[in-house]
């Protein structure tokens, strides 16, 4: 298999979905003739026609409202919010209608639609172009929220998302669009709604997703040179959470660090840390730690590298988890 980028894997997933199901429609700002800002939809309008892949006005609430109607009418719309913060004008449509329609109609109406959102940082984007907005969607009951950390998962997860009977918020890490790896188009990978063990280990579990997978793997490689065996779990599906894979790993390693770009306060890692503490309490040898972005509005490009979690910050957290037997006193852990 020849390596391809994540953007190309997403394009292939959309192309295969359009080919296999005439109900699939792709639309959004500049996704037609231009092929999208990140060229994810490149060539789709040309190959499938402007009635299957088309441009919309610059009105995010209108894009989502249009998709709701199409989904109610039997289509499977895949819409693109051009950048993460551009999706906020559509937030009312997403939370009040997309997430609630099935419940409101007692299951009589499904909304099989995908909302693609390029998110997070790592590209030096200006204001409104690099938000980490995942927690808004994971907090909203009625939405599935997924994010790939590799090109293979980008293909697999998007194919699964398009076929899902539920509305899916599909978060695409912008910094990973151009990372290459071999991709199989047979969908033999990890099933939808399941986390994936990216690297096996026995000493510490790193729990990460999306753009932080590459950073977590980098930290695990460095830790190995220092004699520490780190397991990296790619959450992939943020909602619903794959508790089984997470707890099995942490119960085995006894230590856990959660990593994400978004701010730490009320961040997604807080929910994961709480679940791990509740479900793995008697297996934990140290507190669950978080490595996150800072609790500030997303910074200007010159400060981005300081804001984003790094392998060094993850390694510092791992160092804080290396407890000696003599400092575990009366069932509690204190600083060495």
C-alpha atoms as a PDB file:
ATOM      1  CA  UNK A   1       0.000   0.000   0.000  1.00  0.00           C
ATOM      2  CA  UNK A   2       1.298   3.433  -0.949  1.00  0.00           C
ATOM      3  CA  UNK A   3       1.220   5.960   1.919  1.00  0.00           C
ATOM      4  CA  UNK A   4      -1.377   8.714   1.587  1.00  0.00           C
ATOM      5  CA  UNK A   5      -2.229  11.752   3.690  1.00  0.00           C
ATOM      6  CA  UNK A   6      -5.135  11.977   6.089  1.00  0.00           C
ATOM      7  CA  UNK A   7      -6.771  14.504   3.743  1.00  0.00           C
ATOM      8  CA  UNK A   8      -6.522  11.990   0.897  1.00  0.00           C
ATOM      9  CA  UNK A   9      -7.922   9.222   3.113  1.00  0.00           C
ATOM     10  CA  UNK A  10     -10.919  11.409   3.969  1.00  0.00           C
ATOM     11  CA  UNK A  11     -11.390  12.182   0.288  1.00  0.00           C
ATOM     12  CA  UNK A  12     -11.339   8.461  -0.507  1.00  0.00           C
ATOM     13  CA  UNK A  13     -13.901   7.783   2.216  1.00  0.00           C
ATOM     14  CA  UNK A  14     -16.264  10.413   0.821  1.00  0.00           C
ATOM     15  CA  UNK A  15     -15.688   9.184  -2.709  1.00  0.00           C
ATOM     16  CA  UNK A  16     -16.516   5.583  -1.759  1.00  0.00           C
ATOM     17  CA  UNK A  17     -19.588   6.679   0.200  1.00  0.00           C
ATOM     18  CA  UNK A  18     -20.889   8.727  -2.741  1.00  0.00           C
ATOM     19  CA  UNK A  19     -20.257   5.813  -5.080  1.00  0.00           C
ATOM     20  CA  UNK A  20     -21.993   3.204  -2.921  1.00  0.00           C
ATOM     21  CA  UNK A  21     -25.042   5.174  -1.747  1.00  0.00           C
ATOM     22  CA  UNK A  22     -26.961   7.644  -3.920  1.00  0.00           C
ATOM     23  CA  UNK A  23     -28.481   9.180  -0.798  1.00  0.00           C
ATOM     24  CA  UNK A  24     -25.115  10.616   0.273  1.00  0.00           C
ATOM     25  CA  UNK A  25     -24.667  14.344  -0.402  1.00  0.00           C
ATOM     26  CA  UNK A  26     -21.599  16.464   0.345  1.00  0.00           C
ATOM     27  CA  UNK A  27     -21.930  20.223   0.746  1.00  0.00           C
ATOM     28  CA  UNK A  28     -20.572  23.273   2.537  1.00  0.00           C
ATOM     29  CA  UNK A  29     -18.539  26.393   1.949  1.00  0.00           C
ATOM     30  CA  UNK A  30     -16.123  26.010  -0.990  1.00  0.00           C
ATOM     31  CA  UNK A  31     -16.327  22.198  -0.996  1.00  0.00           C
ATOM     32  CA  UNK A  32     -17.437  22.036  -4.638  1.00  0.00           C
ATOM     33  CA  UNK A  33     -15.320  23.775  -7.265  1.00  0.00           C
ATOM     34  CA  UNK A  34     -12.419  24.551  -4.912  1.00  0.00           C
ATOM     35  CA  UNK A  35     -12.439  21.140  -3.229  1.00  0.00           C
ATOM     36  CA  UNK A  36     -12.423  22.585   0.271  1.00  0.00           C
ATOM     37  CA  UNK A  37      -9.891  24.764   2.068  1.00  0.00           C
ATOM     38  CA  UNK A  38      -7.870  21.643   2.890  1.00  0.00           C
ATOM     39  CA  UNK A  39      -8.757  19.915  -0.414  1.00  0.00           C
ATOM     40  CA  UNK A  40     -10.589  17.109   1.361  1.00  0.00           C
ATOM     41  CA  UNK A  41     -13.419  17.245  -1.210  1.00  0.00           C
ATOM     42  CA  UNK A  42     -11.123  17.734  -4.206  1.00  0.00           C
ATOM     43  CA  UNK A  43     -12.627  16.341  -7.410  1.00  0.00           C
ATOM     44  CA  UNK A  44     -15.904  15.135  -5.887  1.00  0.00           C
ATOM     45  CA  UNK A  45     -18.083  17.755  -7.586  1.00  0.00           C
ATOM     46  CA  UNK A  46     -16.409  17.039 -10.920  1.00  0.00           C
ATOM     47  CA  UNK A  47     -16.779  13.270 -10.624  1.00  0.00           C
ATOM     48  CA  UNK A  48     -20.227  13.015  -9.037  1.00  0.00           C
ATOM     49  CA  UNK A  49     -21.914  16.153 -10.263  1.00  0.00           C
ATOM     50  CA  UNK A  50     -22.957  19.414  -8.655  1.00  0.00           C
ATOM     51  CA  UNK A  51     -26.160  17.866  -7.342  1.00  0.00           C
ATOM     52  CA  UNK A  52     -24.132  15.463  -5.126  1.00  0.00           C
ATOM     53  CA  UNK A  53     -21.275  17.742  -4.042  1.00  0.00           C
ATOM     54  CA  UNK A  54     -22.009  21.460  -4.022  1.00  0.00           C
ATOM     55  CA  UNK A  55     -21.165  24.831  -2.511  1.00  0.00           C
ATOM     56  CA  UNK A  56     -23.423  26.671  -0.088  1.00  0.00           C
ATOM     57  CA  UNK A  57     -23.726  30.292   1.042  1.00  0.00           C
ATOM     58  CA  UNK A  58     -21.500  31.424   3.907  1.00  0.00           C
ATOM     59  CA  UNK A  59     -24.160  30.669   6.503  1.00  0.00           C
ATOM     60  CA  UNK A  60     -23.364  27.829   8.869  1.00  0.00           C
ATOM     61  CA  UNK A  61     -26.775  27.783  10.556  1.00  0.00           C
ATOM     62  CA  UNK A  62     -28.357  27.519   7.119  1.00  0.00           C
ATOM     63  CA  UNK A  63     -26.030  24.672   6.127  1.00  0.00           C
ATOM     64  CA  UNK A  64     -27.015  22.620   9.171  1.00  0.00           C
ATOM     65  CA  UNK A  65     -30.700  23.507   8.834  1.00  0.00           C
ATOM     66  CA  UNK A  66     -30.600  22.395   5.199  1.00  0.00           C
ATOM     67  CA  UNK A  67     -28.902  19.136   6.230  1.00  0.00           C
ATOM     68  CA  UNK A  68     -31.568  18.471   8.862  1.00  0.00           C
ATOM     69  CA  UNK A  69     -34.311  18.726   6.266  1.00  0.00           C
ATOM     70  CA  UNK A  70     -32.466  16.503   3.821  1.00  0.00           C
ATOM     71  CA  UNK A  71     -31.792  13.885   6.496  1.00  0.00           C
ATOM     72  CA  UNK A  72     -35.454  13.899   7.487  1.00  0.00           C
ATOM     73  CA  UNK A  73     -36.259  13.374   3.803  1.00  0.00           C
ATOM     74  CA  UNK A  74     -34.164  10.226   3.495  1.00  0.00           C
ATOM     75  CA  UNK A  75     -30.783  11.597   2.375  1.00  0.00           C
ATOM     76  CA  UNK A  76     -27.446  11.188   4.149  1.00  0.00           C
ATOM     77  CA  UNK A  77     -25.867  14.650   4.122  1.00  0.00           C
ATOM     78  CA  UNK A  78     -22.188  15.168   4.922  1.00  0.00           C
ATOM     79  CA  UNK A  79     -21.570  18.842   5.620  1.00  0.00           C
ATOM     80  CA  UNK A  80     -18.362  20.739   6.258  1.00  0.00           C
ATOM     81  CA  UNK A  81     -17.878  23.552   8.722  1.00  0.00           C
ATOM     82  CA  UNK A  82     -14.841  25.226   7.188  1.00  0.00           C
ATOM     83  CA  UNK A  83     -13.031  25.808  10.503  1.00  0.00           C
ATOM     84  CA  UNK A  84     -13.813  24.852  14.095  1.00  0.00           C
ATOM     85  CA  UNK A  85     -14.878  28.289  15.348  1.00  0.00           C
ATOM     86  CA  UNK A  86     -16.878  28.891  12.162  1.00  0.00           C
ATOM     87  CA  UNK A  87     -19.312  26.233  13.409  1.00  0.00           C
ATOM     88  CA  UNK A  88     -20.516  28.302  16.351  1.00  0.00           C
ATOM     89  CA  UNK A  89     -23.247  30.136  14.383  1.00  0.00           C
ATOM     90  CA  UNK A  90     -24.721  26.663  13.730  1.00  0.00           C
ATOM     91  CA  UNK A  91     -24.466  25.592  17.353  1.00  0.00           C
ATOM     92  CA  UNK A  92     -28.124  26.271  18.108  1.00  0.00           C
ATOM     93  CA  UNK A  93     -29.202  24.092  15.197  1.00  0.00           C
ATOM     94  CA  UNK A  94     -26.861  21.306  16.326  1.00  0.00           C
ATOM     95  CA  UNK A  95     -27.810  21.298  20.014  1.00  0.00           C
ATOM     96  CA  UNK A  96     -31.514  22.127  19.742  1.00  0.00           C
ATOM     97  CA  UNK A  97     -32.445  20.071  16.696  1.00  0.00           C
ATOM     98  CA  UNK A  98     -29.746  17.701  15.393  1.00  0.00           C
ATOM     99  CA  UNK A  99     -29.102  16.224  18.825  1.00  0.00           C
ATOM    100  CA  UNK A 100     -32.718  16.101  19.988  1.00  0.00           C
ATOM    101  CA  UNK A 101     -34.909  15.192  17.021  1.00  0.00           C
ATOM    102  CA  UNK A 102     -34.833  11.428  17.536  1.00  0.00           C
ATOM    103  CA  UNK A 103     -35.684  11.809  21.210  1.00  0.00           C
ATOM    104  CA  UNK A 104     -38.326  14.446  20.457  1.00  0.00           C
ATOM    105  CA  UNK A 105     -40.080  12.115  18.006  1.00  0.00           C
ATOM    106  CA  UNK A 106     -39.701   9.006  20.211  1.00  0.00           C
ATOM    107  CA  UNK A 107     -37.416   7.430  17.627  1.00  0.00           C
ATOM    108  CA  UNK A 108     -39.702   7.925  14.649  1.00  0.00           C
ATOM    109  CA  UNK A 109     -37.287  10.275  12.896  1.00  0.00           C
ATOM    110  CA  UNK A 110     -33.565   9.579  12.507  1.00  0.00           C
ATOM    111  CA  UNK A 111     -30.966  12.083  11.362  1.00  0.00           C
ATOM    112  CA  UNK A 112     -28.207  10.150   9.569  1.00  0.00           C
ATOM    113  CA  UNK A 113     -25.930  13.120   8.950  1.00  0.00           C
ATOM    114  CA  UNK A 114     -22.244  13.917   9.422  1.00  0.00           C
ATOM    115  CA  UNK A 115     -20.909  17.311  10.446  1.00  0.00           C
ATOM    116  CA  UNK A 116     -17.240  17.513   9.461  1.00  0.00           C
ATOM    117  CA  UNK A 117     -15.243  20.062  11.463  1.00  0.00           C
ATOM    118  CA  UNK A 118     -11.514  20.724  10.967  1.00  0.00           C
ATOM    119  CA  UNK A 119     -10.391  21.460  14.538  1.00  0.00           C
ATOM    120  CA  UNK A 120      -7.493  22.118  16.912  1.00  0.00           C
ATOM    121  CA  UNK A 121      -4.182  23.821  16.250  1.00  0.00           C
ATOM    122  CA  UNK A 122      -0.730  23.107  14.978  1.00  0.00           C
ATOM    123  CA  UNK A 123      -1.027  25.117  11.743  1.00  0.00           C
ATOM    124  CA  UNK A 124      -0.359  28.645  13.004  1.00  0.00           C
ATOM    125  CA  UNK A 125      -3.933  29.707  12.324  1.00  0.00           C
ATOM    126  CA  UNK A 126      -5.234  33.144  13.243  1.00  0.00           C
ATOM    127  CA  UNK A 127      -8.166  33.786  15.573  1.00  0.00           C
ATOM    128  CA  UNK A 128     -11.271  31.643  14.916  1.00  0.00           C
ATOM    129  CA  UNK A 129      -9.185  29.104  12.960  1.00  0.00           C
ATOM    130  CA  UNK A 130      -7.719  26.873  15.691  1.00  0.00           C
ATOM    131  CA  UNK A 131     -10.262  26.160  18.434  1.00  0.00           C
ATOM    132  CA  UNK A 132     -10.475  22.879  20.310  1.00  0.00           C
ATOM    133  CA  UNK A 133     -14.240  22.674  20.564  1.00  0.00           C
ATOM    134  CA  UNK A 134     -14.786  18.963  21.188  1.00  0.00           C
ATOM    135  CA  UNK A 135     -16.206  19.280  24.701  1.00  0.00           C
ATOM    136  CA  UNK A 136     -19.169  21.356  23.485  1.00  0.00           C
ATOM    137  CA  UNK A 137     -20.293  18.429  21.366  1.00  0.00           C
ATOM    138  CA  UNK A 138     -19.436  15.602  23.756  1.00  0.00           C
ATOM    139  CA  UNK A 139     -21.492  17.334  26.448  1.00  0.00           C
ATOM    140  CA  UNK A 140     -24.499  17.349  24.109  1.00  0.00           C
ATOM    141  CA  UNK A 141     -26.508  14.159  24.492  1.00  0.00           C
ATOM    142  CA  UNK A 142     -27.743  12.765  21.179  1.00  0.00           C
ATOM    143  CA  UNK A 143     -24.550  13.323  19.199  1.00  0.00           C
ATOM    144  CA  UNK A 144     -21.826  10.853  18.329  1.00  0.00           C
ATOM    145  CA  UNK A 145     -18.433  12.551  18.370  1.00  0.00           C
ATOM    146  CA  UNK A 146     -15.386  10.980  16.738  1.00  0.00           C
ATOM    147  CA  UNK A 147     -11.895  12.138  15.818  1.00  0.00           C
ATOM    148  CA  UNK A 148      -9.196  10.222  13.899  1.00  0.00           C
ATOM    149  CA  UNK A 149      -5.555  10.221  14.906  1.00  0.00           C
ATOM    150  CA  UNK A 150      -4.282   8.576  11.717  1.00  0.00           C
ATOM    151  CA  UNK A 151      -5.057   8.359   8.020  1.00  0.00           C
ATOM    152  CA  UNK A 152      -6.365   4.813   8.403  1.00  0.00           C
ATOM    153  CA  UNK A 153      -8.758   5.840  11.142  1.00  0.00           C
ATOM    154  CA  UNK A 154      -9.795   8.862   9.082  1.00  0.00           C
ATOM    155  CA  UNK A 155     -10.991   6.528   6.341  1.00  0.00           C
ATOM    156  CA  UNK A 156     -12.563   3.931   8.640  1.00  0.00           C
ATOM    157  CA  UNK A 157     -14.312   6.359  10.952  1.00  0.00           C
ATOM    158  CA  UNK A 158     -15.715   8.542   8.174  1.00  0.00           C
ATOM    159  CA  UNK A 159     -17.140   5.529   6.348  1.00  0.00           C
ATOM    160  CA  UNK A 160     -18.729   4.365   9.603  1.00  0.00           C
ATOM    161  CA  UNK A 161     -20.010   7.863  10.366  1.00  0.00           C
ATOM    162  CA  UNK A 162     -21.738   8.209   6.996  1.00  0.00           C
ATOM    163  CA  UNK A 163     -23.480   4.859   7.524  1.00  0.00           C
ATOM    164  CA  UNK A 164     -24.511   5.596  11.109  1.00  0.00           C
ATOM    165  CA  UNK A 165     -28.232   6.171  11.791  1.00  0.00           C
ATOM    166  CA  UNK A 166     -27.242   8.831  14.324  1.00  0.00           C
ATOM    167  CA  UNK A 167     -25.885  12.334  13.725  1.00  0.00           C
ATOM    168  CA  UNK A 168     -22.089  12.349  13.960  1.00  0.00           C
ATOM    169  CA  UNK A 169     -19.794  15.280  14.671  1.00  0.00           C
ATOM    170  CA  UNK A 170     -16.608  14.322  12.858  1.00  0.00           C
ATOM    171  CA  UNK A 171     -13.624  16.288  14.177  1.00  0.00           C
ATOM    172  CA  UNK A 172     -10.646  16.356  11.810  1.00  0.00           C
ATOM    173  CA  UNK A 173      -7.287  17.379  13.340  1.00  0.00           C
ATOM    174  CA  UNK A 174      -5.925  20.019  10.960  1.00  0.00           C
ATOM    175  CA  UNK A 175      -2.316  19.424  11.968  1.00  0.00           C
ATOM    176  CA  UNK A 176      -2.580  15.806  10.805  1.00  0.00           C
ATOM    177  CA  UNK A 177      -4.076  16.467   7.363  1.00  0.00           C
ATOM    178  CA  UNK A 178      -0.705  16.065   5.632  1.00  0.00           C
ATOM    179  CA  UNK A 179       0.732  13.182   7.677  1.00  0.00           C
ATOM    180  CA  UNK A 180       1.171  10.068   5.508  1.00  0.00           C
ATOM    181  CA  UNK A 181       0.746   6.382   6.225  1.00  0.00           C
ATOM    182  CA  UNK A 182      -0.393   3.260   4.354  1.00  0.00           C
ATOM    183  CA  UNK A 183      -4.171   2.958   4.264  1.00  0.00           C
ATOM    184  CA  UNK A 184      -6.334  -0.079   3.586  1.00  0.00           C
ATOM    185  CA  UNK A 185      -9.731   0.640   2.046  1.00  0.00           C
ATOM    186  CA  UNK A 186     -11.304  -2.608   3.263  1.00  0.00           C
ATOM    187  CA  UNK A 187     -12.216  -1.286   6.724  1.00  0.00           C
ATOM    188  CA  UNK A 188     -10.577  -4.111   8.600  1.00  0.00           C
ATOM    189  CA  UNK A 189      -9.529  -1.830  11.445  1.00  0.00           C
ATOM    190  CA  UNK A 190     -11.024  -1.011  14.824  1.00  0.00           C
ATOM    191  CA  UNK A 191     -14.849  -0.941  14.878  1.00  0.00           C
ATOM    192  CA  UNK A 192     -16.863   2.245  15.353  1.00  0.00           C
ATOM    193  CA  UNK A 193     -17.248   3.347  18.990  1.00  0.00           C
ATOM    194  CA  UNK A 194     -14.103   1.518  20.090  1.00  0.00           C
ATOM    195  CA  UNK A 195     -10.775   2.876  21.256  1.00  0.00           C
ATOM    196  CA  UNK A 196      -7.536   1.525  19.822  1.00  0.00           C
ATOM    197  CA  UNK A 197      -4.279   0.518  21.495  1.00  0.00           C
ATOM    198  CA  UNK A 198      -1.649   2.385  19.475  1.00  0.00           C
ATOM    199  CA  UNK A 199       1.278   1.118  21.504  1.00  0.00           C
ATOM    200  CA  UNK A 200       1.280  -1.593  24.134  1.00  0.00           C
ATOM    201  CA  UNK A 201       2.953  -1.078  27.497  1.00  0.00           C
ATOM    202  CA  UNK A 202       2.786  -2.061  31.145  1.00  0.00           C
ATOM    203  CA  UNK A 203       3.891   0.928  33.246  1.00  0.00           C
ATOM    204  CA  UNK A 204       1.667   3.883  32.315  1.00  0.00           C
ATOM    205  CA  UNK A 205      -1.409   4.424  30.129  1.00  0.00           C
ATOM    206  CA  UNK A 206      -1.497   7.553  27.970  1.00  0.00           C
ATOM    207  CA  UNK A 207      -5.056   8.375  26.922  1.00  0.00           C
ATOM    208  CA  UNK A 208      -5.180  10.732  23.942  1.00  0.00           C
ATOM    209  CA  UNK A 209      -7.056  11.441  20.729  1.00  0.00           C
ATOM    210  CA  UNK A 210      -6.903  13.309  17.432  1.00  0.00           C
ATOM    211  CA  UNK A 211      -3.928  15.652  17.072  1.00  0.00           C
ATOM    212  CA  UNK A 212      -2.320  14.473  20.314  1.00  0.00           C
ATOM    213  CA  UNK A 213      -1.829  10.861  19.219  1.00  0.00           C
ATOM    214  CA  UNK A 214       1.413  11.643  17.407  1.00  0.00           C
ATOM    215  CA  UNK A 215       2.671  13.593  20.445  1.00  0.00           C
ATOM    216  CA  UNK A 216       1.743  10.786  22.831  1.00  0.00           C
ATOM    217  CA  UNK A 217       3.558   8.221  20.675  1.00  0.00           C
ATOM    218  CA  UNK A 218       6.606  10.485  20.556  1.00  0.00           C
ATOM    219  CA  UNK A 219       6.588  10.703  24.352  1.00  0.00           C
ATOM    220  CA  UNK A 220       6.239   6.925  24.634  1.00  0.00           C
ATOM    221  CA  UNK A 221       9.258   6.426  22.373  1.00  0.00           C
ATOM    222  CA  UNK A 222      11.378   8.732  24.523  1.00  0.00           C
ATOM    223  CA  UNK A 223      10.121   7.093  27.711  1.00  0.00           C
ATOM    224  CA  UNK A 224      11.222   3.706  26.344  1.00  0.00           C
ATOM    225  CA  UNK A 225      14.818   4.946  26.183  1.00  0.00           C
ATOM    226  CA  UNK A 226      14.504   5.730  29.888  1.00  0.00           C
ATOM    227  CA  UNK A 227      13.252   2.252  30.744  1.00  0.00           C
ATOM    228  CA  UNK A 228       9.549   3.077  30.997  1.00  0.00           C
ATOM    229  CA  UNK A 229       7.004   0.973  29.148  1.00  0.00           C
ATOM    230  CA  UNK A 230       4.180   3.305  28.097  1.00  0.00           C
ATOM    231  CA  UNK A 231       0.870   2.205  26.596  1.00  0.00           C
ATOM    232  CA  UNK A 232      -0.873   4.672  24.260  1.00  0.00           C
ATOM    233  CA  UNK A 233      -4.655   4.423  23.897  1.00  0.00           C
ATOM    234  CA  UNK A 234      -6.280   6.341  21.047  1.00  0.00           C
ATOM    235  CA  UNK A 235      -9.819   7.115  22.219  1.00  0.00           C
ATOM    236  CA  UNK A 236     -11.058   7.733  18.622  1.00  0.00           C
ATOM    237  CA  UNK A 237     -14.706   7.920  19.688  1.00  0.00           C
ATOM    238  CA  UNK A 238     -15.188  10.677  22.255  1.00  0.00           C
ATOM    239  CA  UNK A 239     -18.906  10.023  22.642  1.00  0.00           C
ATOM    240  CA  UNK A 240     -19.907   7.355  23.448  1.00  0.00           C
ATOM    241  CA  UNK A 241     -16.782   6.493  25.436  1.00  0.00           C
ATOM    242  CA  UNK A 242     -15.186   3.054  25.177  1.00  0.00           C
ATOM    243  CA  UNK A 243     -14.888   2.471  28.928  1.00  0.00           C
ATOM    244  CA  UNK A 244     -13.953  -1.177  28.457  1.00  0.00           C
ATOM    245  CA  UNK A 245     -10.703  -0.549  26.588  1.00  0.00           C
ATOM    246  CA  UNK A 246      -9.735   2.357  28.845  1.00  0.00           C
ATOM    247  CA  UNK A 247     -10.327   0.559  32.129  1.00  0.00           C
ATOM    248  CA  UNK A 248      -8.686  -2.676  30.985  1.00  0.00           C
ATOM    249  CA  UNK A 249      -5.517  -0.749  30.167  1.00  0.00           C
ATOM    250  CA  UNK A 250      -5.416   1.352  33.327  1.00  0.00           C
ATOM    251  CA  UNK A 251      -6.190  -1.564  35.630  1.00  0.00           C
ATOM    252  CA  UNK A 252      -3.198  -3.338  34.126  1.00  0.00           C
ATOM    253  CA  UNK A 253      -0.736  -0.426  34.251  1.00  0.00           C
ATOM    254  CA  UNK A 254      -1.982   1.213  37.450  1.00  0.00           C
ATOM    255  CA  UNK A 255      -1.215   4.718  36.169  1.00  0.00           C
ATOM    256  CA  UNK A 256      -2.874   7.061  33.693  1.00  0.00           C
ATOM    257  CA  UNK A 257      -2.239  10.404  31.988  1.00  0.00           C
ATOM    258  CA  UNK A 258      -4.891  12.067  29.816  1.00  0.00           C
ATOM    259  CA  UNK A 259      -3.643  14.348  27.035  1.00  0.00           C
ATOM    260  CA  UNK A 260      -5.538  16.897  24.937  1.00  0.00           C
ATOM    261  CA  UNK A 261      -5.024  20.308  23.332  1.00  0.00           C
ATOM    262  CA  UNK A 262      -8.113  21.974  24.746  1.00  0.00           C
ATOM    263  CA  UNK A 263      -8.050  23.918  27.997  1.00  0.00           C
ATOM    264  CA  UNK A 264      -7.870  21.794  31.119  1.00  0.00           C
ATOM    265  CA  UNK A 265     -10.733  23.352  33.104  1.00  0.00           C
ATOM    266  CA  UNK A 266     -13.931  21.395  32.370  1.00  0.00           C
ATOM    267  CA  UNK A 267     -12.070  19.780  29.463  1.00  0.00           C
ATOM    268  CA  UNK A 268     -12.712  16.343  28.010  1.00  0.00           C
ATOM    269  CA  UNK A 269      -9.842  14.945  30.068  1.00  0.00           C
ATOM    270  CA  UNK A 270     -11.687  15.774  33.279  1.00  0.00           C
ATOM    271  CA  UNK A 271     -14.475  13.355  32.326  1.00  0.00           C
ATOM    272  CA  UNK A 272     -11.987  10.630  31.389  1.00  0.00           C
ATOM    273  CA  UNK A 273     -10.028  11.170  34.611  1.00  0.00           C
ATOM    274  CA  UNK A 274     -13.245  10.931  36.636  1.00  0.00           C
ATOM    275  CA  UNK A 275     -14.285   7.701  34.912  1.00  0.00           C
ATOM    276  CA  UNK A 276     -10.863   6.157  35.414  1.00  0.00           C
ATOM    277  CA  UNK A 277     -10.838   7.163  39.090  1.00  0.00           C
ATOM    278  CA  UNK A 278     -14.311   5.708  39.639  1.00  0.00           C
ATOM    279  CA  UNK A 279     -13.797   2.464  37.731  1.00  0.00           C
ATOM    280  CA  UNK A 280     -10.121   1.764  38.463  1.00  0.00           C
ATOM    281  CA  UNK A 281      -9.727   3.193  41.980  1.00  0.00           C
ATOM    282  CA  UNK A 282      -8.395   0.058  43.629  1.00  0.00           C
ATOM    283  CA  UNK A 283      -5.926  -0.530  40.776  1.00  0.00           C
ATOM    284  CA  UNK A 284      -4.440   2.973  40.680  1.00  0.00           C
ATOM    285  CA  UNK A 285      -0.956   3.467  42.095  1.00  0.00           C
ATOM    286  CA  UNK A 286      -1.028   7.256  41.599  1.00  0.00           C
ATOM    287  CA  UNK A 287      -3.535  10.018  40.829  1.00  0.00           C
ATOM    288  CA  UNK A 288      -4.781  10.384  37.265  1.00  0.00           C
ATOM    289  CA  UNK A 289      -2.990  13.350  35.698  1.00  0.00           C
ATOM    290  CA  UNK A 290      -3.885  15.597  32.766  1.00  0.00           C
ATOM    291  CA  UNK A 291      -1.650  17.335  30.242  1.00  0.00           C
ATOM    292  CA  UNK A 292      -3.663  19.974  28.389  1.00  0.00           C
ATOM    293  CA  UNK A 293      -3.660  23.361  26.763  1.00  0.00           C
ATOM    294  CA  UNK A 294      -3.779  26.358  29.076  1.00  0.00           C
ATOM    295  CA  UNK A 295      -6.990  27.944  30.351  1.00  0.00           C
ATOM    296  CA  UNK A 296      -6.835  30.892  27.973  1.00  0.00           C
ATOM    297  CA  UNK A 297      -8.467  31.767  24.650  1.00  0.00           C
ATOM    298  CA  UNK A 298      -6.559  30.037  21.882  1.00  0.00           C
ATOM    299  CA  UNK A 299      -3.366  32.079  21.514  1.00  0.00           C
ATOM    300  CA  UNK A 300      -1.874  33.892  18.537  1.00  0.00           C
ATOM    301  CA  UNK A 301       0.322  31.817  16.175  1.00  0.00           C
ATOM    302  CA  UNK A 302       3.576  32.961  17.803  1.00  0.00           C
ATOM    303  CA  UNK A 303       2.468  31.491  21.142  1.00  0.00           C
ATOM    304  CA  UNK A 304       0.893  28.322  19.763  1.00  0.00           C
ATOM    305  CA  UNK A 305       3.923  26.108  20.367  1.00  0.00           C
ATOM    306  CA  UNK A 306       3.951  27.138  24.030  1.00  0.00           C
ATOM    307  CA  UNK A 307       0.231  26.457  24.409  1.00  0.00           C
ATOM    308  CA  UNK A 308       0.091  22.986  22.855  1.00  0.00           C
ATOM    309  CA  UNK A 309       1.053  19.953  24.969  1.00  0.00           C
ATOM    310  CA  UNK A 310       4.481  18.600  24.041  1.00  0.00           C
ATOM    311  CA  UNK A 311       6.250  15.297  24.524  1.00  0.00           C
ATOM    312  CA  UNK A 312       8.325  16.952  27.259  1.00  0.00           C
ATOM    313  CA  UNK A 313       5.214  17.988  29.192  1.00  0.00           C
ATOM    314  CA  UNK A 314       3.855  14.458  28.901  1.00  0.00           C
ATOM    315  CA  UNK A 315       7.157  13.009  30.110  1.00  0.00           C
ATOM    316  CA  UNK A 316       7.097  15.381  33.081  1.00  0.00           C
ATOM    317  CA  UNK A 317       3.664  14.030  33.997  1.00  0.00           C
ATOM    318  CA  UNK A 318       4.916  10.450  33.672  1.00  0.00           C
ATOM    319  CA  UNK A 319       7.809  11.318  36.000  1.00  0.00           C
ATOM    320  CA  UNK A 320       5.296  12.450  38.610  1.00  0.00           C
ATOM    321  CA  UNK A 321       3.674   9.005  38.469  1.00  0.00           C
ATOM    322  CA  UNK A 322       6.824   7.025  39.262  1.00  0.00           C
ATOM    323  CA  UNK A 323       6.119   6.306  42.904  1.00  0.00           C
ATOM    324  CA  UNK A 324       8.453   4.268  45.119  1.00  0.00           C
ATOM    325  CA  UNK A 325       7.003   1.744  47.581  1.00  0.00           C
ATOM    326  CA  UNK A 326       8.262   3.711  50.596  1.00  0.00           C
ATOM    327  CA  UNK A 327       6.172   6.787  49.706  1.00  0.00           C
ATOM    328  CA  UNK A 328       2.904   4.852  49.538  1.00  0.00           C
ATOM    329  CA  UNK A 329       1.764   5.200  53.103  1.00  0.00           C
ATOM    330  CA  UNK A 330      -1.483   3.978  54.705  1.00  0.00           C
ATOM    331  CA  UNK A 331      -3.122   3.573  51.342  1.00  0.00           C
ATOM    332  CA  UNK A 332      -2.480   7.153  50.207  1.00  0.00           C
ATOM    333  CA  UNK A 333       0.144   8.603  47.913  1.00  0.00           C
ATOM    334  CA  UNK A 334       2.210  11.666  48.765  1.00  0.00           C
ATOM    335  CA  UNK A 335       5.018  13.483  46.963  1.00  0.00           C
ATOM    336  CA  UNK A 336       8.416  11.838  47.207  1.00  0.00           C
END
